[in-house]
PDB file of N, CA and C in Angstrom:
ATOM      1  N   MET A   1     -24.675   4.603 -35.700  1.00  0.00           N
ATOM      2  CA  MET A   1     -23.742   3.880 -34.856  1.00  0.00           C
ATOM      3  C   MET A   1     -22.331   4.393 -35.132  1.00  0.00           C
ATOM      4  N   THR A   2     -21.676   4.849 -34.091  1.00  0.00           N
ATOM      5  CA  THR A   2     -20.334   5.404 -34.230  1.00  0.00           C
ATOM      6  C   THR A   2     -19.293   4.309 -34.066  1.00  0.00           C
ATOM      7  N   LYS A   3     -18.343   4.320 -34.989  1.00  0.00           N
ATOM      8  CA  LYS A   3     -17.254   3.340 -34.908  1.00  0.00           C
ATOM      9  C   LYS A   3     -16.193   3.832 -33.949  1.00  0.00           C
ATOM     10  N   LYS A   4     -15.673   2.919 -33.148  1.00  0.00           N
ATOM     11  CA  LYS A   4     -14.558   3.267 -32.271  1.00  0.00           C
ATOM     12  C   LYS A   4     -13.302   3.387 -33.120  1.00  0.00           C
ATOM     13  N   PRO A   5     -12.454   4.348 -32.797  1.00  0.00           N
ATOM     14  CA  PRO A   5     -11.211   4.454 -33.563  1.00  0.00           C
ATOM     15  C   PRO A   5     -10.336   3.224 -33.321  1.00  0.00           C
ATOM     16  N   GLU A   6      -9.684   2.796 -34.376  1.00  0.00           N
ATOM     17  CA  GLU A   6      -8.800   1.634 -34.258  1.00  0.00           C
ATOM     18  C   GLU A   6      -7.566   1.989 -33.452  1.00  0.00           C
ATOM     19  N   VAL A   7      -7.205   1.089 -32.571  1.00  0.00           N
ATOM     20  CA  VAL A   7      -5.973   1.265 -31.810  1.00  0.00           C
ATOM     21  C   VAL A   7      -4.918   0.421 -32.504  1.00  0.00           C
ATOM     22  N   LYS A   8      -3.918   1.098 -33.025  1.00  0.00           N
ATOM     23  CA  LYS A   8      -2.855   0.383 -33.728  1.00  0.00           C
ATOM     24  C   LYS A   8      -1.783  -0.030 -32.741  1.00  0.00           C
ATOM     25  N   LYS A   9      -1.483  -1.311 -32.744  1.00  0.00           N
ATOM     26  CA  LYS A   9      -0.392  -1.814 -31.923  1.00  0.00           C
ATOM     27  C   LYS A   9       0.841  -1.879 -32.798  1.00  0.00           C
ATOM     28  N   THR A  10       1.938  -1.456 -32.238  1.00  0.00           N
ATOM     29  CA  THR A  10       3.181  -1.532 -32.975  1.00  0.00           C
ATOM     30  C   THR A  10       3.606  -2.988 -33.049  1.00  0.00           C
ATOM     31  N   VAL A  11       3.827  -3.465 -34.258  1.00  0.00           N
ATOM     32  CA  VAL A  11       4.307  -4.827 -34.440  1.00  0.00           C
ATOM     33  C   VAL A  11       5.801  -4.746 -34.702  1.00  0.00           C
ATOM     34  N   LEU A  12       6.543  -5.460 -33.901  1.00  0.00           N
ATOM     35  CA  LEU A  12       7.997  -5.449 -34.027  1.00  0.00           C
ATOM     36  C   LEU A  12       8.461  -6.716 -34.719  1.00  0.00           C
ATOM     37  N   ASP A  13       9.570  -6.619 -35.436  1.00  0.00           N
ATOM     38  CA  ASP A  13      10.099  -7.818 -36.072  1.00  0.00           C
ATOM     39  C   ASP A  13      10.821  -8.674 -35.036  1.00  0.00           C
ATOM     40  N   LYS A  14      11.064  -9.917 -35.418  1.00  0.00           N
ATOM     41  CA  LYS A  14      11.653 -10.901 -34.506  1.00  0.00           C
ATOM     42  C   LYS A  14      13.005 -10.449 -33.952  1.00  0.00           C
ATOM     43  N   ALA A  15      13.830  -9.843 -34.788  1.00  0.00           N
ATOM     44  CA  ALA A  15      15.160  -9.397 -34.347  1.00  0.00           C
ATOM     45  C   ALA A  15      15.050  -8.295 -33.298  1.00  0.00           C
ATOM     46  N   THR A  16      14.108  -7.376 -33.492  1.00  0.00           N
ATOM     47  CA  THR A  16      13.914  -6.290 -32.525  1.00  0.00           C
ATOM     48  C   THR A  16      13.432  -6.848 -31.193  1.00  0.00           C
ATOM     49  N   ILE A  17      12.478  -7.772 -31.248  1.00  0.00           N
ATOM     50  CA  ILE A  17      11.960  -8.390 -30.022  1.00  0.00           C
ATOM     51  C   ILE A  17      13.078  -9.132 -29.292  1.00  0.00           C
ATOM     52  N   SER A  18      13.846  -9.916 -30.033  1.00  0.00           N
ATOM     53  CA  SER A  18      14.964 -10.652 -29.425  1.00  0.00           C
ATOM     54  C   SER A  18      15.968  -9.699 -28.801  1.00  0.00           C
ATOM     55  N   GLY A  19      16.201  -8.574 -29.466  1.00  0.00           N
ATOM     56  CA  GLY A  19      17.127  -7.575 -28.936  1.00  0.00           C
ATOM     57  C   GLY A  19      16.644  -6.990 -27.621  1.00  0.00           C
ATOM     58  N   ILE A  20      15.358  -6.714 -27.536  1.00  0.00           N
ATOM     59  CA  ILE A  20      14.790  -6.145 -26.310  1.00  0.00           C
ATOM     60  C   ILE A  20      14.828  -7.165 -25.169  1.00  0.00           C
ATOM     61  N   LEU A  21      14.572  -8.424 -25.483  1.00  0.00           N
ATOM     62  CA  LEU A  21      14.516  -9.464 -24.451  1.00  0.00           C
ATOM     63  C   LEU A  21      15.885 -10.068 -24.113  1.00  0.00           C
ATOM     64  N   ARG A  22      16.927  -9.638 -24.809  1.00  0.00           N
ATOM     65  CA  ARG A  22      18.254 -10.229 -24.608  1.00  0.00           C
ATOM     66  C   ARG A  22      18.799  -9.936 -23.207  1.00  0.00           C
ATOM     67  N   THR A  23      19.827 -10.691 -22.852  1.00  0.00           N
ATOM     68  CA  THR A  23      20.576 -10.440 -21.623  1.00  0.00           C
ATOM     69  C   THR A  23      21.792  -9.607 -22.000  1.00  0.00           C
ATOM     70  N   VAL A  24      21.970  -8.492 -21.307  1.00  0.00           N
ATOM     71  CA  VAL A  24      23.105  -7.604 -21.580  1.00  0.00           C
ATOM     72  C   VAL A  24      24.261  -7.972 -20.653  1.00  0.00           C
ATOM     73  N   PRO A  25      25.489  -7.584 -21.013  1.00  0.00           N
ATOM     74  CA  PRO A  25      26.621  -7.838 -20.119  1.00  0.00           C
ATOM     75  C   PRO A  25      26.418  -7.131 -18.772  1.00  0.00           C
ATOM     76  N   GLN A  26      27.018  -7.685 -17.749  1.00  0.00           N
ATOM     77  CA  GLN A  26      26.891  -7.154 -16.381  1.00  0.00           C
ATOM     78  C   GLN A  26      27.150  -5.647 -16.312  1.00  0.00           C
ATOM     79  N   HIS A  27      28.178  -5.180 -17.029  1.00  0.00           N
ATOM     80  CA  HIS A  27      28.519  -3.752 -16.951  1.00  0.00           C
ATOM     81  C   HIS A  27      27.450  -2.852 -17.584  1.00  0.00           C
ATOM     82  N   GLU A  28      26.568  -3.424 -18.427  1.00  0.00           N
ATOM     83  CA  GLU A  28      25.464  -2.662 -19.014  1.00  0.00           C
ATOM     84  C   GLU A  28      24.154  -2.883 -18.266  1.00  0.00           C
ATOM     85  N   GLY A  29      24.174  -3.747 -17.269  1.00  0.00           N
ATOM     86  CA  GLY A  29      22.976  -4.046 -16.497  1.00  0.00           C
ATOM     87  C   GLY A  29      22.526  -2.845 -15.680  1.00  0.00           C
ATOM     88  N   PHE A  30      21.325  -2.953 -15.137  1.00  0.00           N
ATOM     89  CA  PHE A  30      20.827  -1.885 -14.265  1.00  0.00           C
ATOM     90  C   PHE A  30      21.357  -2.146 -12.869  1.00  0.00           C
ATOM     91  N   HIS A  31      22.174  -1.224 -12.366  1.00  0.00           N
ATOM     92  CA  HIS A  31      22.779  -1.329 -11.038  1.00  0.00           C
ATOM     93  C   HIS A  31      21.916  -0.538 -10.058  1.00  0.00           C
ATOM     94  N   PHE A  32      21.364  -1.237  -9.084  1.00  0.00           N
ATOM     95  CA  PHE A  32      20.473  -0.607  -8.106  1.00  0.00           C
ATOM     96  C   PHE A  32      21.273   0.029  -6.972  1.00  0.00           C
ATOM     97  N   PHE A  33      20.985   1.290  -6.711  1.00  0.00           N
ATOM     98  CA  PHE A  33      21.608   2.049  -5.623  1.00  0.00           C
ATOM     99  C   PHE A  33      20.519   2.584  -4.702  1.00  0.00           C
ATOM    100  N   ARG A  34      20.846   2.792  -3.439  1.00  0.00           N
ATOM    101  CA  ARG A  34      19.940   3.448  -2.486  1.00  0.00           C
ATOM    102  C   ARG A  34      20.147   4.957  -2.527  1.00  0.00           C
ATOM    103  N   ALA A  35      21.382   5.350  -2.834  1.00  0.00           N
ATOM    104  CA  ALA A  35      21.810   6.755  -2.888  1.00  0.00           C
ATOM    105  C   ALA A  35      23.130   6.757  -3.652  1.00  0.00           C
ATOM    106  N   PRO A  36      23.631   7.905  -4.072  1.00  0.00           N
ATOM    107  CA  PRO A  36      24.925   7.922  -4.764  1.00  0.00           C
ATOM    108  C   PRO A  36      25.999   7.243  -3.903  1.00  0.00           C
ATOM    109  N   GLY A  37      26.685   6.275  -4.493  1.00  0.00           N
ATOM    110  CA  GLY A  37      27.747   5.563  -3.796  1.00  0.00           C
ATOM    111  C   GLY A  37      27.273   4.465  -2.860  1.00  0.00           C
ATOM    112  N   ASP A  38      25.959   4.251  -2.744  1.00  0.00           N
ATOM    113  CA  ASP A  38      25.403   3.246  -1.829  1.00  0.00           C
ATOM    114  C   ASP A  38      24.696   2.147  -2.629  1.00  0.00           C
ATOM    115  N   SER A  39      25.486   1.242  -3.200  1.00  0.00           N
ATOM    116  CA  SER A  39      24.955   0.166  -4.033  1.00  0.00           C
ATOM    117  C   SER A  39      24.229  -0.880  -3.194  1.00  0.00           C
ATOM    118  N   THR A  40      23.181  -1.445  -3.767  1.00  0.00           N
ATOM    119  CA  THR A  40      22.486  -2.563  -3.119  1.00  0.00           C
ATOM    120  C   THR A  40      23.181  -3.875  -3.453  1.00  0.00           C
ATOM    121  N   GLY A  41      24.054  -3.846  -4.464  1.00  0.00           N
ATOM    122  CA  GLY A  41      24.707  -5.062  -4.927  1.00  0.00           C
ATOM    123  C   GLY A  41      23.893  -5.820  -5.963  1.00  0.00           C
ATOM    124  N   LYS A  42      22.694  -5.352  -6.252  1.00  0.00           N
ATOM    125  CA  LYS A  42      21.831  -6.022  -7.234  1.00  0.00           C
ATOM    126  C   LYS A  42      22.023  -5.396  -8.609  1.00  0.00           C
ATOM    127  N   VAL A  43      22.096  -6.273  -9.620  1.00  0.00           N
ATOM    128  CA  VAL A  43      22.236  -5.839 -11.006  1.00  0.00           C
ATOM    129  C   VAL A  43      21.270  -6.663 -11.850  1.00  0.00           C
ATOM    130  N   ALA A  44      20.466  -6.000 -12.673  1.00  0.00           N
ATOM    131  CA  ALA A  44      19.540  -6.680 -13.586  1.00  0.00           C
ATOM    132  C   ALA A  44      20.120  -6.632 -14.989  1.00  0.00           C
ATOM    133  N   THR A  45      20.125  -7.780 -15.669  1.00  0.00           N
ATOM    134  CA  THR A  45      20.729  -7.836 -17.002  1.00  0.00           C
ATOM    135  C   THR A  45      19.731  -8.125 -18.125  1.00  0.00           C
ATOM    136  N   ASN A  46      18.455  -8.267 -17.793  1.00  0.00           N
ATOM    137  CA  ASN A  46      17.407  -8.375 -18.813  1.00  0.00           C
ATOM    138  C   ASN A  46      16.084  -7.973 -18.161  1.00  0.00           C
ATOM    139  N   LEU A  47      15.037  -7.892 -18.941  1.00  0.00           N
ATOM    140  CA  LEU A  47      13.764  -7.397 -18.406  1.00  0.00           C
ATOM    141  C   LEU A  47      13.172  -8.305 -17.333  1.00  0.00           C
ATOM    142  N   ALA A  48      13.236  -9.618 -17.537  1.00  0.00           N
ATOM    143  CA  ALA A  48      12.697 -10.539 -16.530  1.00  0.00           C
ATOM    144  C   ALA A  48      13.488 -10.422 -15.230  1.00  0.00           C
ATOM    145  N   ASP A  49      14.792 -10.309 -15.352  1.00  0.00           N
ATOM    146  CA  ASP A  49      15.671 -10.135 -14.196  1.00  0.00           C
ATOM    147  C   ASP A  49      15.374  -8.801 -13.504  1.00  0.00           C
ATOM    148  N   PHE A  50      15.105  -7.770 -14.288  1.00  0.00           N
ATOM    149  CA  PHE A  50      14.763  -6.447 -13.765  1.00  0.00           C
ATOM    150  C   PHE A  50      13.512  -6.539 -12.884  1.00  0.00           C
ATOM    151  N   VAL A  51      12.500  -7.256 -13.363  1.00  0.00           N
ATOM    152  CA  VAL A  51      11.266  -7.435 -12.588  1.00  0.00           C
ATOM    153  C   VAL A  51      11.571  -8.160 -11.279  1.00  0.00           C
ATOM    154  N   GLU A  52      12.351  -9.241 -11.355  1.00  0.00           N
ATOM    155  CA  GLU A  52      12.673 -10.007 -10.148  1.00  0.00           C
ATOM    156  C   GLU A  52      13.458  -9.180  -9.141  1.00  0.00           C
ATOM    157  N   LYS A  53      14.417  -8.414  -9.614  1.00  0.00           N
ATOM    158  CA  LYS A  53      15.210  -7.570  -8.710  1.00  0.00           C
ATOM    159  C   LYS A  53      14.331  -6.471  -8.103  1.00  0.00           C
ATOM    160  N   LEU A  54      13.425  -5.914  -8.902  1.00  0.00           N
ATOM    161  CA  LEU A  54      12.516  -4.879  -8.392  1.00  0.00           C
ATOM    162  C   LEU A  54      11.638  -5.401  -7.255  1.00  0.00           C
ATOM    163  N   ARG A  55      11.254  -6.672  -7.333  1.00  0.00           N
ATOM    164  CA  ARG A  55      10.384  -7.257  -6.302  1.00  0.00           C
ATOM    165  C   ARG A  55      11.040  -7.243  -4.923  1.00  0.00           C
ATOM    166  N   THR A  56      12.376  -7.381  -4.889  1.00  0.00           N
ATOM    167  CA  THR A  56      13.051  -7.575  -3.603  1.00  0.00           C
ATOM    168  C   THR A  56      14.024  -6.469  -3.209  1.00  0.00           C
ATOM    169  N   VAL A  57      14.324  -5.570  -4.124  1.00  0.00           N
ATOM    170  CA  VAL A  57      15.310  -4.531  -3.820  1.00  0.00           C
ATOM    171  C   VAL A  57      14.774  -3.596  -2.729  1.00  0.00           C
ATOM    172  N   ASP A  58      15.673  -3.058  -1.951  1.00  0.00           N
ATOM    173  CA  ASP A  58      15.333  -2.070  -0.918  1.00  0.00           C
ATOM    174  C   ASP A  58      14.483  -0.965  -1.556  1.00  0.00           C
ATOM    175  N   ILE A  59      13.356  -0.655  -0.954  1.00  0.00           N
ATOM    176  CA  ILE A  59      12.432   0.339  -1.521  1.00  0.00           C
ATOM    177  C   ILE A  59      13.108   1.696  -1.688  1.00  0.00           C
ATOM    178  N   ARG A  60      14.126   1.975  -0.884  1.00  0.00           N
ATOM    179  CA  ARG A  60      14.856   3.239  -1.031  1.00  0.00           C
ATOM    180  C   ARG A  60      15.504   3.326  -2.409  1.00  0.00           C
ATOM    181  N   SER A  61      15.864   2.176  -2.974  1.00  0.00           N
ATOM    182  CA  SER A  61      16.465   2.156  -4.307  1.00  0.00           C
ATOM    183  C   SER A  61      15.449   2.573  -5.371  1.00  0.00           C
ATOM    184  N   VAL A  62      14.239   2.051  -5.276  1.00  0.00           N
ATOM    185  CA  VAL A  62      13.176   2.413  -6.224  1.00  0.00           C
ATOM    186  C   VAL A  62      12.895   3.913  -6.121  1.00  0.00           C
ATOM    187  N   ASN A  63      12.778   4.397  -4.895  1.00  0.00           N
ATOM    188  CA  ASN A  63      12.511   5.826  -4.679  1.00  0.00           C
ATOM    189  C   ASN A  63      13.677   6.708  -5.118  1.00  0.00           C
ATOM    190  N   PHE A  64      14.890   6.186  -5.076  1.00  0.00           N
ATOM    191  CA  PHE A  64      16.071   6.935  -5.507  1.00  0.00           C
ATOM    192  C   PHE A  64      16.123   7.050  -7.031  1.00  0.00           C
ATOM    193  N   HIS A  65      15.931   5.937  -7.722  1.00  0.00           N
ATOM    194  CA  HIS A  65      16.105   5.916  -9.181  1.00  0.00           C
ATOM    195  C   HIS A  65      14.967   6.580  -9.955  1.00  0.00           C
ATOM    196  N   PHE A  66      13.734   6.448  -9.467  1.00  0.00           N
ATOM    197  CA  PHE A  66      12.592   6.918 -10.252  1.00  0.00           C
ATOM    198  C   PHE A  66      12.637   8.408 -10.586  1.00  0.00           C
ATOM    199  N   PRO A  67      12.817   9.309  -9.622  1.00  0.00           N
ATOM    200  CA  PRO A  67      12.820  10.737  -9.982  1.00  0.00           C
ATOM    201  C   PRO A  67      14.011  11.143 -10.846  1.00  0.00           C
ATOM    202  N   ARG A  68      15.066  10.346 -10.841  1.00  0.00           N
ATOM    203  CA  ARG A  68      16.244  10.620 -11.671  1.00  0.00           C
ATOM    204  C   ARG A  68      16.058  10.097 -13.103  1.00  0.00           C
ATOM    205  N   GLN A  69      14.946   9.402 -13.333  1.00  0.00           N
ATOM    206  CA  GLN A  69      14.612   8.794 -14.625  1.00  0.00           C
ATOM    207  C   GLN A  69      15.626   7.722 -15.033  1.00  0.00           C
ATOM    208  N   ASP A  70      16.268   7.106 -14.062  1.00  0.00           N
ATOM    209  CA  ASP A  70      17.258   6.069 -14.353  1.00  0.00           C
ATOM    210  C   ASP A  70      16.634   4.847 -15.016  1.00  0.00           C
ATOM    211  N   PHE A  71      15.438   4.443 -14.575  1.00  0.00           N
ATOM    212  CA  PHE A  71      14.776   3.286 -15.177  1.00  0.00           C
ATOM    213  C   PHE A  71      14.495   3.558 -16.652  1.00  0.00           C
ATOM    214  N   GLU A  72      13.919   4.722 -16.925  1.00  0.00           N
ATOM    215  CA  GLU A  72      13.576   5.082 -18.308  1.00  0.00           C
ATOM    216  C   GLU A  72      14.812   5.115 -19.200  1.00  0.00           C
ATOM    217  N   LYS A  73      15.888   5.703 -18.701  1.00  0.00           N
ATOM    218  CA  LYS A  73      17.124   5.811 -19.492  1.00  0.00           C
ATOM    219  C   LYS A  73      17.686   4.439 -19.817  1.00  0.00           C
ATOM    220  N   TRP A  74      17.719   3.541 -18.833  1.00  0.00           N
ATOM    221  CA  TRP A  74      18.259   2.196 -19.063  1.00  0.00           C
ATOM    222  C   TRP A  74      17.382   1.439 -20.062  1.00  0.00           C
ATOM    223  N   LEU A  75      16.075   1.530 -19.891  1.00  0.00           N
ATOM    224  CA  LEU A  75      15.164   0.832 -20.798  1.00  0.00           C
ATOM    225  C   LEU A  75      15.280   1.363 -22.223  1.00  0.00           C
ATOM    226  N   ARG A  76      15.445   2.656 -22.373  1.00  0.00           N
ATOM    227  CA  ARG A  76      15.554   3.273 -23.700  1.00  0.00           C
ATOM    228  C   ARG A  76      16.944   3.062 -24.310  1.00  0.00           C
ATOM    229  N   ASP A  77      17.989   3.353 -23.551  1.00  0.00           N
ATOM    230  CA  ASP A  77      19.339   3.412 -24.115  1.00  0.00           C
ATOM    231  C   ASP A  77      20.078   2.078 -24.136  1.00  0.00           C
ATOM    232  N   ILE A  78      19.822   1.209 -23.184  1.00  0.00           N
ATOM    233  CA  ILE A  78      20.528  -0.075 -23.115  1.00  0.00           C
ATOM    234  C   ILE A  78      19.646  -1.209 -23.619  1.00  0.00           C
ATOM    235  N   ILE A  79      18.426  -1.286 -23.120  1.00  0.00           N
ATOM    236  CA  ILE A  79      17.504  -2.344 -23.548  1.00  0.00           C
ATOM    237  C   ILE A  79      16.915  -2.028 -24.925  1.00  0.00           C
ATOM    238  N   CYS A  80      16.907  -0.769 -25.301  1.00  0.00           N
ATOM    239  CA  CYS A  80      16.422  -0.308 -26.618  1.00  0.00           C
ATOM    240  C   CYS A  80      14.915  -0.505 -26.792  1.00  0.00           C
ATOM    241  N   ASP A  81      14.169  -0.230 -25.722  1.00  0.00           N
ATOM    242  CA  ASP A  81      12.711  -0.302 -25.784  1.00  0.00           C
ATOM    243  C   ASP A  81      12.137   1.065 -25.406  1.00  0.00           C
ATOM    244  N   SER A  82      12.036   1.935 -26.397  1.00  0.00           N
ATOM    245  CA  SER A  82      11.546   3.292 -26.134  1.00  0.00           C
ATOM    246  C   SER A  82      10.075   3.291 -25.727  1.00  0.00           C
ATOM    247  N   GLU A  83       9.309   2.321 -26.205  1.00  0.00           N
ATOM    248  CA  GLU A  83       7.895   2.247 -25.829  1.00  0.00           C
ATOM    249  C   GLU A  83       7.751   1.950 -24.331  1.00  0.00           C
ATOM    250  N   LEU A  84       8.526   1.008 -23.834  1.00  0.00           N
ATOM    251  CA  LEU A  84       8.494   0.686 -22.408  1.00  0.00           C
ATOM    252  C   LEU A  84       8.995   1.867 -21.580  1.00  0.00           C
ATOM    253  N   SER A  85      10.017   2.518 -22.057  1.00  0.00           N
ATOM    254  CA  SER A  85      10.547   3.700 -21.375  1.00  0.00           C
ATOM    255  C   SER A  85       9.465   4.777 -21.246  1.00  0.00           C
ATOM    256  N   ARG A  86       8.714   4.991 -22.321  1.00  0.00           N
ATOM    257  CA  ARG A  86       7.620   5.980 -22.297  1.00  0.00           C
ATOM    258  C   ARG A  86       6.538   5.597 -21.294  1.00  0.00           C
ATOM    259  N   LYS A  87       6.228   4.304 -21.231  1.00  0.00           N
ATOM    260  CA  LYS A  87       5.196   3.851 -20.285  1.00  0.00           C
ATOM    261  C   LYS A  87       5.624   4.129 -18.846  1.00  0.00           C
ATOM    262  N   ILE A  88       6.881   3.903 -18.534  1.00  0.00           N
ATOM    263  CA  ILE A  88       7.390   4.173 -17.183  1.00  0.00           C
ATOM    264  C   ILE A  88       7.350   5.679 -16.912  1.00  0.00           C
ATOM    265  N   SER A  89       7.654   6.472 -17.925  1.00  0.00           N
ATOM    266  CA  SER A  89       7.680   7.932 -17.736  1.00  0.00           C
ATOM    267  C   SER A  89       6.293   8.505 -17.453  1.00  0.00           C
ATOM    268  N   ARG A  90       5.252   7.745 -17.774  1.00  0.00           N
ATOM    269  CA  ARG A  90       3.878   8.223 -17.552  1.00  0.00           C
ATOM    270  C   ARG A  90       3.379   7.992 -16.123  1.00  0.00           C
ATOM    271  N   ILE A  91       4.160   7.295 -15.317  1.00  0.00           N
ATOM    272  CA  ILE A  91       3.769   7.113 -13.912  1.00  0.00           C
ATOM    273  C   ILE A  91       3.825   8.478 -13.241  1.00  0.00           C
ATOM    274  N   ARG A  92       2.823   8.782 -12.454  1.00  0.00           N
ATOM    275  CA  ARG A  92       2.781  10.082 -11.770  1.00  0.00           C
ATOM    276  C   ARG A  92       4.040  10.276 -10.933  1.00  0.00           C
ATOM    277  N   LYS A  93       4.616  11.444 -11.026  1.00  0.00           N
ATOM    278  CA  LYS A  93       5.890  11.743 -10.361  1.00  0.00           C
ATOM    279  C   LYS A  93       5.798  11.690  -8.843  1.00  0.00           C
ATOM    280  N   GLU A  94       4.613  11.898  -8.294  1.00  0.00           N
ATOM    281  CA  GLU A  94       4.490  11.860  -6.835  1.00  0.00           C
ATOM    282  C   GLU A  94       4.312  10.436  -6.292  1.00  0.00           C
ATOM    283  N   THR A  95       4.221   9.449  -7.184  1.00  0.00           N
ATOM    284  CA  THR A  95       4.102   8.056  -6.766  1.00  0.00           C
ATOM    285  C   THR A  95       5.428   7.607  -6.163  1.00  0.00           C
ATOM    286  N   HIS A  96       5.357   6.883  -5.051  1.00  0.00           N
ATOM    287  CA  HIS A  96       6.582   6.392  -4.424  1.00  0.00           C
ATOM    288  C   HIS A  96       6.269   5.143  -3.592  1.00  0.00           C
ATOM    289  N   GLY A  97       7.306   4.557  -3.039  1.00  0.00           N
ATOM    290  CA  GLY A  97       7.139   3.403  -2.158  1.00  0.00           C
ATOM    291  C   GLY A  97       6.621   2.174  -2.885  1.00  0.00           C
ATOM    292  N   GLU A  98       5.865   1.369  -2.157  1.00  0.00           N
ATOM    293  CA  GLU A  98       5.370   0.101  -2.709  1.00  0.00           C
ATOM    294  C   GLU A  98       4.441   0.314  -3.897  1.00  0.00           C
ATOM    295  N   GLN A  99       3.683   1.393  -3.893  1.00  0.00           N
ATOM    296  CA  GLN A  99       2.810   1.669  -5.039  1.00  0.00           C
ATOM    297  C   GLN A  99       3.655   1.867  -6.299  1.00  0.00           C
ATOM    298  N   LEU A 100       4.739   2.609  -6.181  1.00  0.00           N
ATOM    299  CA  LEU A 100       5.633   2.837  -7.313  1.00  0.00           C
ATOM    300  C   LEU A 100       6.252   1.523  -7.767  1.00  0.00           C
ATOM    301  N   ARG A 101       6.780   0.749  -6.821  1.00  0.00           N
ATOM    302  CA  ARG A 101       7.385  -0.542  -7.155  1.00  0.00           C
ATOM    303  C   ARG A 101       6.389  -1.395  -7.936  1.00  0.00           C
ATOM    304  N   ASN A 102       5.158  -1.503  -7.411  1.00  0.00           N
ATOM    305  CA  ASN A 102       4.144  -2.350  -8.042  1.00  0.00           C
ATOM    306  C   ASN A 102       3.749  -1.860  -9.428  1.00  0.00           C
ATOM    307  N   GLU A 103       3.653  -0.555  -9.618  1.00  0.00           N
ATOM    308  CA  GLU A 103       3.312  -0.019 -10.943  1.00  0.00           C
ATOM    309  C   GLU A 103       4.405  -0.332 -11.957  1.00  0.00           C
ATOM    310  N   ILE A 104       5.653  -0.147 -11.571  1.00  0.00           N
ATOM    311  CA  ILE A 104       6.763  -0.436 -12.489  1.00  0.00           C
ATOM    312  C   ILE A 104       6.781  -1.915 -12.836  1.00  0.00           C
ATOM    313  N   ILE A 105       6.640  -2.774 -11.832  1.00  0.00           N
ATOM    314  CA  ILE A 105       6.630  -4.223 -12.073  1.00  0.00           C
ATOM    315  C   ILE A 105       5.506  -4.592 -13.029  1.00  0.00           C
ATOM    316  N   GLN A 106       4.318  -4.064 -12.791  1.00  0.00           N
ATOM    317  CA  GLN A 106       3.162  -4.377 -13.635  1.00  0.00           C
ATOM    318  C   GLN A 106       3.417  -3.949 -15.087  1.00  0.00           C
ATOM    319  N   ILE A 107       3.959  -2.770 -15.281  1.00  0.00           N
ATOM    320  CA  ILE A 107       4.219  -2.261 -16.632  1.00  0.00           C
ATOM    321  C   ILE A 107       5.278  -3.104 -17.336  1.00  0.00           C
ATOM    322  N   VAL A 108       6.382  -3.386 -16.660  1.00  0.00           N
ATOM    323  CA  VAL A 108       7.471  -4.144 -17.293  1.00  0.00           C
ATOM    324  C   VAL A 108       7.032  -5.578 -17.557  1.00  0.00           C
ATOM    325  N   LYS A 109       6.376  -6.203 -16.598  1.00  0.00           N
ATOM    326  CA  LYS A 109       5.904  -7.579 -16.782  1.00  0.00           C
ATOM    327  C   LYS A 109       4.911  -7.647 -17.944  1.00  0.00           C
ATOM    328  N   GLY A 110       4.014  -6.671 -18.024  1.00  0.00           N
ATOM    329  CA  GLY A 110       3.063  -6.622 -19.134  1.00  0.00           C
ATOM    330  C   GLY A 110       3.765  -6.503 -20.474  1.00  0.00           C
ATOM    331  N   ARG A 111       4.814  -5.704 -20.523  1.00  0.00           N
ATOM    332  CA  ARG A 111       5.573  -5.532 -21.766  1.00  0.00           C
ATOM    333  C   ARG A 111       6.296  -6.821 -22.141  1.00  0.00           C
ATOM    334  N   VAL A 112       6.886  -7.497 -21.167  1.00  0.00           N
ATOM    335  CA  VAL A 112       7.565  -8.771 -21.438  1.00  0.00           C
ATOM    336  C   VAL A 112       6.566  -9.773 -22.004  1.00  0.00           C
ATOM    337  N   ASP A 113       5.399  -9.877 -21.396  1.00  0.00           N
ATOM    338  CA  ASP A 113       4.361 -10.794 -21.886  1.00  0.00           C
ATOM    339  C   ASP A 113       3.944 -10.434 -23.307  1.00  0.00           C
ATOM    340  N   GLU A 114       3.769  -9.142 -23.567  1.00  0.00           N
ATOM    341  CA  GLU A 114       3.388  -8.663 -24.895  1.00  0.00           C
ATOM    342  C   GLU A 114       4.457  -9.026 -25.931  1.00  0.00           C
ATOM    343  N   LEU A 115       5.717  -8.823 -25.587  1.00  0.00           N
ATOM    344  CA  LEU A 115       6.815  -9.129 -26.514  1.00  0.00           C
ATOM    345  C   LEU A 115       6.913 -10.628 -26.782  1.00  0.00           C
ATOM    346  N   LYS A 116       6.742 -11.428 -25.749  1.00  0.00           N
ATOM    347  CA  LYS A 116       6.802 -12.889 -25.932  1.00  0.00           C
ATOM    348  C   LYS A 116       5.664 -13.370 -26.817  1.00  0.00           C
ATOM    349  N   GLU A 117       4.493 -12.753 -26.659  1.00  0.00           N
ATOM    350  CA  GLU A 117       3.352 -13.104 -27.506  1.00  0.00           C
ATOM    351  C   GLU A 117       3.641 -12.721 -28.960  1.00  0.00           C
ATOM    352  N   MET A 118       4.193 -11.533 -29.170  1.00  0.00           N
ATOM    353  CA  MET A 118       4.566 -11.099 -30.529  1.00  0.00           C
ATOM    354  C   MET A 118       5.594 -12.047 -31.130  1.00  0.00           C
ATOM    355  N   GLN A 119       6.515 -12.502 -30.296  1.00  0.00           N
ATOM    356  CA  GLN A 119       7.600 -13.370 -30.755  1.00  0.00           C
ATOM    357  C   GLN A 119       7.048 -14.682 -31.314  1.00  0.00           C
ATOM    358  N   THR A 120       5.991 -15.188 -30.717  1.00  0.00           N
ATOM    359  CA  THR A 120       5.415 -16.449 -31.186  1.00  0.00           C
ATOM    360  C   THR A 120       4.626 -16.266 -32.483  1.00  0.00           C
ATOM    361  N   LYS A 121       4.226 -15.024 -32.771  1.00  0.00           N
ATOM    362  CA  LYS A 121       3.433 -14.749 -33.974  1.00  0.00           C
ATOM    363  C   LYS A 121       4.282 -14.345 -35.176  1.00  0.00           C
ATOM    364  N   THR A 122       5.569 -14.063 -34.944  1.00  0.00           N
ATOM    365  CA  THR A 122       6.407 -13.631 -36.074  1.00  0.00           C
ATOM    366  C   THR A 122       7.226 -14.765 -36.620  1.00  0.00           C
TER     367      THR A 122
END
């Protein structure tokens, strides 16, 4: 009988989890654009807010930001969640439109749920 290899989940400390789930100032929020200079007026200041804004933002904004890796950069550099940034980077580059929106929402929402669960255990 062959044993399955163990999948190690990264366990984060409470301060790191709180940092990832925090609300950032407006100027550090994710500003959604349709094109350079064409703001949607929507700004996300935490992960839950990011998911909500993604649900309703003009699809042109999602298609604009994804190939520029703007989502990944904000998640890594401002939210400080390199694991979530990596998960977004694994979405196939040819994905676009509603499929892209839904994949990003699913990944971010899953990460928020995972972090909240970790938070209750630490």
